[in-house]
Amino acid sequence: MTPHIEAKKDEIAKVVIMPGDPLRAEVIAKKFLTDYKLVNKVRNMFMFTGFYKGTKVTIAGSGMGCASIGIYSYELYKFYDVDHIIRVGSAGAYNEKLKVYDIVNTKEAFGESPYPKLAAGLDTNLVPSTTKLYDLINKTAAENNLSVHEGKVHSSDVFYRKTDSMAFAKENNLDCVEMESLALFANAVETKKSAACLLTISDSFVTKEVTTAEERQNNFMDMIKIALETATKL
């Protein structure tokens, strides 16, 4: 147990699929897992452990932002001996080539946060995903006839940004924006574990298309399938 996770150590799998929304974690567990059970409800940050095609998997909410996923991913890596975390989330597209519901496999997370320095001693604001896991996700997607896009992702601390988001994206060659991958990747480096981030485009800064919270919860299942199929190979 940790201050934020009440599960027993053996109740958390070696592979964790991590959506931001704990309610989405519940939807994923109910739709895809067998023999699953709720193993954490502290702060209503639901975590479920069950089986996908015979592979033990934990679906764990992370909350929003680097601070929140930073706590949960670190505790899972450090105190629950988790080896791999695949974040699954939504993102806003900066790149006109990315359309609503396209899936992005995050190659690098770019942020303005001091998190990499403070948590992992990294003097950089650009942290890559784990290459082996990133490549495995691409291979798994292809095997399942699902398309994924490579992405340099803006892991932002500010949702309601005062300055011009598109100008910032162009200046830094960014494809889309979310709020968590930078901390996850930094924690993987610090703990010598493995991390990846799959994102489904939920809205576009270019076309101004948007999706509702209900649509995001229920229509991101291709991304979840890729993550779970990857888990069976780890």
Protein backbone atom coordinates (compact mmCIF):
# COMPACT_ATOMS: atom_id res chain seq x y z
CA MET A 1 0.00 0.00 0.00
CA THR A 2 0.99 3.61 -0.59
CA PRO A 3 -0.64 6.89 0.50
CA HIS A 4 -2.57 6.89 -2.78
CA ILE A 5 -3.09 3.21 -3.67
CA GLU A 6 -4.72 0.72 -1.32
CA ALA A 7 -4.19 -2.40 -3.46
CA LYS A 8 -2.11 -5.26 -2.17
CA LYS A 9 1.11 -5.73 -4.09
CA ASP A 10 -0.05 -8.91 -5.84
CA GLU A 11 -3.26 -7.19 -6.94
CA ILE A 12 -1.42 -5.00 -9.45
CA ALA A 13 -0.21 -6.55 -12.72
CA LYS A 14 3.21 -6.05 -14.26
CA VAL A 15 1.53 -4.27 -17.17
CA VAL A 16 -0.71 -1.25 -16.52
CA ILE A 17 -2.97 0.49 -19.02
CA MET A 18 -3.51 4.02 -17.71
CA PRO A 19 -6.32 6.32 -18.86
CA GLY A 20 -6.65 9.70 -17.22
CA ASP A 21 -10.32 9.35 -16.31
CA PRO A 22 -11.05 6.73 -13.61
CA LEU A 23 -14.51 6.23 -15.11
CA ARG A 24 -12.88 5.35 -18.41
CA ALA A 25 -10.81 2.78 -16.50
CA GLU A 26 -14.07 1.21 -15.37
CA VAL A 27 -15.47 1.18 -18.91
CA ILE A 28 -12.31 -0.50 -20.23
CA ALA A 29 -12.30 -3.14 -17.49
CA LYS A 30 -15.96 -4.01 -18.05
CA LYS A 31 -15.62 -4.16 -21.82
CA PHE A 32 -12.32 -6.00 -22.21
CA LEU A 33 -11.29 -7.87 -19.06
CA THR A 34 -12.44 -11.13 -17.54
CA ASP A 35 -12.40 -11.96 -13.82
CA TYR A 36 -11.60 -8.35 -13.01
CA LYS A 37 -11.93 -6.71 -9.62
CA LEU A 38 -11.66 -3.22 -8.21
CA VAL A 39 -8.32 -3.00 -6.38
CA ASN A 40 -8.16 0.75 -5.65
CA LYS A 41 -10.76 3.39 -4.89
CA VAL A 42 -8.73 5.87 -2.82
CA ARG A 43 -9.79 9.38 -3.95
CA ASN A 44 -12.06 7.57 -6.45
CA MET A 45 -9.00 6.89 -8.60
CA PHE A 46 -10.29 3.51 -9.69
CA MET A 47 -7.94 0.67 -10.58
CA PHE A 48 -9.11 -2.69 -11.86
CA THR A 49 -7.08 -5.87 -12.32
CA GLY A 50 -8.24 -8.74 -14.50
CA PHE A 51 -7.28 -10.76 -17.54
CA TYR A 52 -7.17 -9.99 -21.24
CA LYS A 53 -6.75 -13.12 -23.37
CA GLY A 54 -5.11 -14.81 -20.40
CA THR A 55 -2.70 -11.94 -19.63
CA LYS A 56 -3.00 -10.25 -16.25
CA VAL A 57 -3.51 -6.52 -16.75
CA THR A 58 -4.31 -3.58 -14.49
CA ILE A 59 -6.38 -0.67 -15.77
CA ALA A 60 -5.57 2.36 -13.61
CA GLY A 61 -6.79 5.93 -13.67
CA SER A 62 -4.08 8.58 -13.49
CA GLY A 63 -5.98 11.84 -13.09
CA MET A 64 -5.09 14.98 -15.03
CA GLY A 65 -1.69 16.60 -15.35
CA CYS A 66 1.92 15.72 -14.68
CA ALA A 67 1.54 16.07 -10.91
CA SER A 68 -1.20 13.44 -10.75
CA ILE A 69 0.19 10.85 -13.16
CA GLY A 70 3.59 11.51 -11.65
CA ILE A 71 2.41 10.24 -8.26
CA TYR A 72 0.53 7.20 -9.52
CA SER A 73 3.07 6.03 -12.09
CA TYR A 74 5.98 6.43 -9.67
CA GLU A 75 4.23 4.45 -6.96
CA LEU A 76 3.27 1.71 -9.42
CA TYR A 77 6.82 1.43 -10.74
CA LYS A 78 8.60 1.80 -7.40
CA PHE A 79 6.38 0.07 -4.86
CA TYR A 80 4.27 -2.33 -6.95
CA ASP A 81 7.06 -3.53 -9.28
CA VAL A 82 5.14 -2.60 -12.42
CA ASP A 83 7.36 -3.02 -15.48
CA HIS A 84 5.32 -1.34 -18.22
CA ILE A 85 2.79 1.49 -18.26
CA ILE A 86 0.91 2.42 -21.43
CA ARG A 87 -0.97 5.66 -21.04
CA VAL A 88 -4.14 5.89 -23.16
CA GLY A 89 -5.72 9.29 -23.50
CA SER A 90 -7.10 12.07 -25.63
CA ALA A 91 -5.25 14.88 -27.37
CA GLY A 92 -5.86 18.03 -29.32
CA ALA A 93 -4.33 18.16 -32.79
CA TYR A 94 -1.91 20.91 -33.79
CA ASN A 95 -0.97 19.12 -37.02
CA GLU A 96 -3.47 19.45 -39.86
CA LYS A 97 -2.68 15.89 -40.90
CA LEU A 98 -4.18 14.56 -37.66
CA LYS A 99 -7.96 14.13 -37.82
CA VAL A 100 -10.47 13.47 -35.04
CA TYR A 101 -10.20 9.83 -33.87
CA ASP A 102 -6.73 9.33 -35.39
CA ILE A 103 -4.39 7.47 -33.03
CA VAL A 104 -0.96 8.83 -32.12
CA ASN A 105 1.88 6.73 -30.71
CA THR A 106 3.93 9.27 -28.75
CA LYS A 107 7.58 9.13 -29.72
CA GLU A 108 8.63 12.12 -27.59
CA ALA A 109 6.96 14.26 -24.95
CA PHE A 110 7.83 17.96 -24.87
CA GLY A 111 6.99 20.08 -21.84
CA GLU A 112 7.62 23.35 -20.07
CA SER A 113 7.45 21.72 -16.65
CA PRO A 114 10.48 21.25 -14.34
CA TYR A 115 9.21 17.72 -13.71
CA PRO A 116 11.99 15.86 -15.60
CA LYS A 117 14.65 17.76 -13.66
CA LEU A 118 13.00 17.46 -10.26
CA ALA A 119 11.91 13.83 -10.55
CA ALA A 120 14.63 12.29 -12.69
CA GLY A 121 17.55 14.73 -12.84
CA LEU A 122 17.04 15.23 -16.57
CA ASP A 123 18.27 18.56 -17.96
CA THR A 124 15.85 18.52 -20.88
CA ASN A 125 12.27 19.37 -21.69
CA LEU A 126 12.04 16.56 -24.28
CA VAL A 127 11.74 13.00 -22.97
CA PRO A 128 11.26 9.99 -25.27
CA SER A 129 9.01 7.01 -24.75
CA THR A 130 10.69 3.65 -24.24
CA THR A 131 11.91 2.64 -27.70
CA LYS A 132 11.23 -1.08 -27.36
CA LEU A 133 7.66 -0.50 -26.18
CA TYR A 134 7.06 2.20 -28.78
CA ASP A 135 8.18 -0.17 -31.55
CA LEU A 136 6.09 -3.03 -30.17
CA ILE A 137 2.99 -0.84 -30.22
CA ASN A 138 3.59 0.04 -33.87
CA LYS A 139 4.04 -3.62 -34.74
CA THR A 140 0.93 -4.65 -32.83
CA ALA A 141 -1.18 -1.96 -34.48
CA ALA A 142 -0.07 -3.12 -37.93
CA GLU A 143 -0.87 -6.75 -37.07
CA ASN A 144 -4.39 -5.66 -36.14
CA ASN A 145 -4.84 -3.52 -39.27
CA LEU A 146 -5.02 -0.35 -37.21
CA SER A 147 -3.23 2.83 -38.21
CA VAL A 148 -1.12 4.88 -35.80
CA HIS A 149 0.77 8.12 -36.34
CA GLU A 150 4.16 9.02 -34.91
CA GLY A 151 3.95 12.11 -32.74
CA LYS A 152 5.99 14.70 -30.89
CA VAL A 153 3.52 15.55 -28.16
CA HIS A 154 3.16 18.73 -26.14
CA SER A 155 2.66 17.67 -22.53
CA SER A 156 1.23 20.93 -21.25
CA ASP A 157 0.70 22.13 -17.69
CA VAL A 158 -1.87 24.70 -18.84
CA PHE A 159 -5.19 23.76 -20.44
CA TYR A 160 -6.41 27.35 -20.84
CA ARG A 161 -3.30 28.85 -22.34
CA LYS A 162 -3.06 32.64 -22.61
CA THR A 163 -0.62 32.73 -25.51
CA ASP A 164 -1.15 31.43 -29.04
CA SER A 165 -1.10 27.62 -28.90
CA MET A 166 -0.64 27.16 -32.63
CA ALA A 167 2.31 29.55 -32.77
CA PHE A 168 3.91 27.67 -29.88
CA ALA A 169 3.29 24.34 -31.61
CA LYS A 170 4.82 25.54 -34.87
CA GLU A 171 7.85 26.98 -33.09
CA ASN A 172 8.53 23.67 -31.34
CA ASN A 173 7.42 21.29 -34.13
CA LEU A 174 4.62 19.73 -32.04
CA ASP A 175 1.91 17.46 -33.42
CA CYS A 176 -0.68 17.42 -30.64
CA VAL A 177 -1.23 18.31 -27.00
CA GLU A 178 -2.13 16.46 -23.79
CA MET A 179 -1.05 16.86 -20.17
CA GLU A 180 0.60 13.73 -18.76
CA SER A 181 3.17 11.91 -20.90
CA LEU A 182 6.19 14.00 -19.87
CA ALA A 183 5.94 12.92 -16.23
CA LEU A 184 5.25 9.30 -17.12
CA PHE A 185 8.29 9.10 -19.40
CA ALA A 186 10.51 10.83 -16.84
CA ASN A 187 9.42 8.39 -14.13
CA ALA A 188 10.19 5.47 -16.44
CA VAL A 189 13.72 6.81 -16.91
CA GLU A 190 14.18 7.37 -13.17
CA THR A 191 12.95 3.89 -12.20
CA LYS A 192 14.49 2.13 -15.23
CA LYS A 193 11.08 0.89 -16.33
CA SER A 194 9.09 1.10 -19.56
CA ALA A 195 6.51 3.66 -20.71
CA ALA A 196 4.49 4.53 -23.77
CA CYS A 197 1.57 6.81 -24.57
CA LEU A 198 -1.22 6.23 -27.06
CA LEU A 199 -3.50 9.17 -27.80
CA THR A 200 -6.73 9.48 -29.74
CA ILE A 201 -7.36 12.88 -31.27
CA SER A 202 -10.46 14.32 -29.60
CA ASP A 203 -10.37 17.82 -31.08
CA SER A 204 -8.42 19.91 -33.54
CA PHE A 205 -6.92 23.36 -33.19
CA VAL A 206 -6.86 23.45 -37.00
CA THR A 207 -10.42 22.43 -37.96
CA LYS A 208 -12.04 23.31 -34.60
CA GLU A 209 -13.73 19.88 -34.49
CA VAL A 210 -14.52 18.63 -30.99
CA THR A 211 -15.92 15.50 -29.35
CA THR A 212 -18.01 15.18 -26.19
CA ALA A 213 -16.86 13.52 -22.97
CA GLU A 214 -19.28 10.65 -23.66
CA GLU A 215 -17.90 10.17 -27.16
CA ARG A 216 -14.34 10.12 -25.80
CA GLN A 217 -15.25 7.54 -23.18
CA ASN A 218 -17.01 5.19 -25.56
CA ASN A 219 -15.35 5.66 -28.96
CA PHE A 220 -11.64 5.33 -28.24
CA MET A 221 -11.69 1.56 -28.30
CA ASP A 222 -9.26 0.99 -31.19
CA MET A 223 -6.59 2.66 -29.07
CA ILE A 224 -7.48 0.45 -26.11
CA LYS A 225 -7.33 -2.65 -28.29
CA ILE A 226 -3.81 -1.76 -29.44
CA ALA A 227 -2.69 -1.22 -25.84
CA LEU A 228 -4.20 -4.49 -24.61
CA GLU A 229 -2.91 -6.54 -27.54
CA THR A 230 0.54 -5.08 -26.84
CA ALA A 231 0.20 -6.12 -23.20
CA THR A 232 -0.18 -9.75 -24.24
CA LYS A 233 3.33 -9.61 -25.76
CA LEU A 234 5.10 -8.16 -22.71
